Amino acid sequence: MTSWQLVRLFAGSFILLSLALGIPGSPLFVSPWWLAFTAFVGANLLQSALTRWCLMETILRKLGVRAGA
């Protein structure tokens, strides 16, 4: 997988997990504060779309993951 594919995989996984942990009707509910993490991931996706820079993609590239085309 390329770095941009991994970024989207992680972002989607984090969003789904934080929703499962933050919505009171969920069997995995812990605290509604997990919804703040959902907002944080969404804000980072928005920022990376506008600036064309993503910290996680930079970290993945330094770890040796190949860049996407």
C-alpha atoms as a PDB file:
ATOM      1  CA  MET A   1       0.000   0.000   0.000  1.00  0.00           C
ATOM      2  CA  THR A   2       1.090   3.542  -0.631  1.00  0.00           C
ATOM      3  CA  SER A   3       1.318   6.279   1.998  1.00  0.00           C
ATOM      4  CA  TRP A   4      -1.909   8.034   0.957  1.00  0.00           C
ATOM      5  CA  GLN A   5      -3.817   4.726   1.064  1.00  0.00           C
ATOM      6  CA  LEU A   6      -2.534   4.038   4.580  1.00  0.00           C
ATOM      7  CA  VAL A   7      -3.481   7.555   5.725  1.00  0.00           C
ATOM      8  CA  ARG A   8      -7.052   6.993   4.564  1.00  0.00           C
ATOM      9  CA  LEU A   9      -7.118   3.517   6.115  1.00  0.00           C
ATOM     10  CA  PHE A  10      -5.991   4.877   9.484  1.00  0.00           C
ATOM     11  CA  ALA A  11      -8.332   7.885   9.328  1.00  0.00           C
ATOM     12  CA  GLY A  12     -11.356   5.740   8.508  1.00  0.00           C
ATOM     13  CA  SER A  13     -10.477   3.233  11.214  1.00  0.00           C
ATOM     14  CA  PHE A  14      -9.967   5.969  13.823  1.00  0.00           C
ATOM     15  CA  ILE A  15     -13.277   7.607  12.932  1.00  0.00           C
ATOM     16  CA  LEU A  16     -15.252   4.359  13.134  1.00  0.00           C
ATOM     17  CA  LEU A  17     -13.573   3.340  16.402  1.00  0.00           C
ATOM     18  CA  SER A  18     -14.082   6.713  18.053  1.00  0.00           C
ATOM     19  CA  LEU A  19     -17.744   6.744  16.990  1.00  0.00           C
ATOM     20  CA  ALA A  20     -18.208   3.265  18.470  1.00  0.00           C
ATOM     21  CA  LEU A  21     -16.616   4.433  21.728  1.00  0.00           C
ATOM     22  CA  GLY A  22     -18.435   7.784  21.844  1.00  0.00           C
ATOM     23  CA  ILE A  23     -22.060   7.134  20.880  1.00  0.00           C
ATOM     24  CA  PRO A  24     -24.189   6.194  23.920  1.00  0.00           C
ATOM     25  CA  GLY A  25     -26.205   3.560  21.999  1.00  0.00           C
ATOM     26  CA  SER A  26     -23.087   1.620  21.038  1.00  0.00           C
ATOM     27  CA  PRO A  27     -22.239  -1.604  22.894  1.00  0.00           C
ATOM     28  CA  LEU A  28     -18.637  -0.335  23.061  1.00  0.00           C
ATOM     29  CA  PHE A  29     -19.605   3.043  24.576  1.00  0.00           C
ATOM     30  CA  VAL A  30     -17.014   4.488  26.961  1.00  0.00           C
ATOM     31  CA  SER A  31     -17.469   8.266  26.996  1.00  0.00           C
ATOM     32  CA  PRO A  32     -18.977  10.939  24.740  1.00  0.00           C
ATOM     33  CA  TRP A  33     -15.552  12.638  24.789  1.00  0.00           C
ATOM     34  CA  TRP A  34     -14.448  10.133  22.146  1.00  0.00           C
ATOM     35  CA  LEU A  35     -16.472  12.221  19.682  1.00  0.00           C
ATOM     36  CA  ALA A  36     -13.860  14.960  20.116  1.00  0.00           C
ATOM     37  CA  PHE A  37     -11.335  12.543  18.600  1.00  0.00           C
ATOM     38  CA  THR A  38     -13.689  12.061  15.635  1.00  0.00           C
ATOM     39  CA  ALA A  39     -13.758  15.842  15.153  1.00  0.00           C
ATOM     40  CA  PHE A  40      -9.949  16.001  15.431  1.00  0.00           C
ATOM     41  CA  VAL A  41      -9.478  13.403  12.680  1.00  0.00           C
ATOM     42  CA  GLY A  42     -12.006  15.199  10.472  1.00  0.00           C
ATOM     43  CA  ALA A  43     -10.280  18.539  11.012  1.00  0.00           C
ATOM     44  CA  ASN A  44      -6.932  17.012  10.073  1.00  0.00           C
ATOM     45  CA  LEU A  45      -8.412  15.552   6.887  1.00  0.00           C
ATOM     46  CA  LEU A  46      -9.824  18.958   5.993  1.00  0.00           C
ATOM     47  CA  GLN A  47      -6.504  20.674   6.738  1.00  0.00           C
ATOM     48  CA  SER A  48      -4.553  18.179   4.626  1.00  0.00           C
ATOM     49  CA  ALA A  49      -6.946  18.662   1.705  1.00  0.00           C
ATOM     50  CA  LEU A  50      -6.482  22.431   1.804  1.00  0.00           C
ATOM     51  CA  THR A  51      -2.729  22.540   2.394  1.00  0.00           C
ATOM     52  CA  ARG A  52      -1.672  19.342   0.598  1.00  0.00           C
ATOM     53  CA  TRP A  53       0.381  18.389   3.669  1.00  0.00           C
ATOM     54  CA  CYS A  54      -0.311  15.570   6.107  1.00  0.00           C
ATOM     55  CA  LEU A  55       1.868  14.808   9.134  1.00  0.00           C
ATOM     56  CA  MET A  56       0.978  11.126   9.120  1.00  0.00           C
ATOM     57  CA  GLU A  57       1.943  10.769   5.470  1.00  0.00           C
ATOM     58  CA  THR A  58       5.291  12.430   6.236  1.00  0.00           C
ATOM     59  CA  ILE A  59       5.871   9.998   9.105  1.00  0.00           C
ATOM     60  CA  LEU A  60       4.919   7.001   6.959  1.00  0.00           C
ATOM     61  CA  ARG A  61       7.329   8.084   4.227  1.00  0.00           C
ATOM     62  CA  LYS A  62      10.157   8.391   6.765  1.00  0.00           C
ATOM     63  CA  LEU A  63       9.319   4.840   7.885  1.00  0.00           C
ATOM     64  CA  GLY A  64       9.900   3.658   4.333  1.00  0.00           C
ATOM     65  CA  VAL A  65       6.373   3.466   2.941  1.00  0.00           C
ATOM     66  CA  ARG A  66       6.387   4.409  -0.733  1.00  0.00           C
ATOM     67  CA  ALA A  67       4.631   7.567  -1.836  1.00  0.00           C
ATOM     68  CA  GLY A  68       1.418   7.332  -3.823  1.00  0.00           C
ATOM     69  CA  ALA A  69       1.144   8.412  -7.413  1.00  0.00           C
END
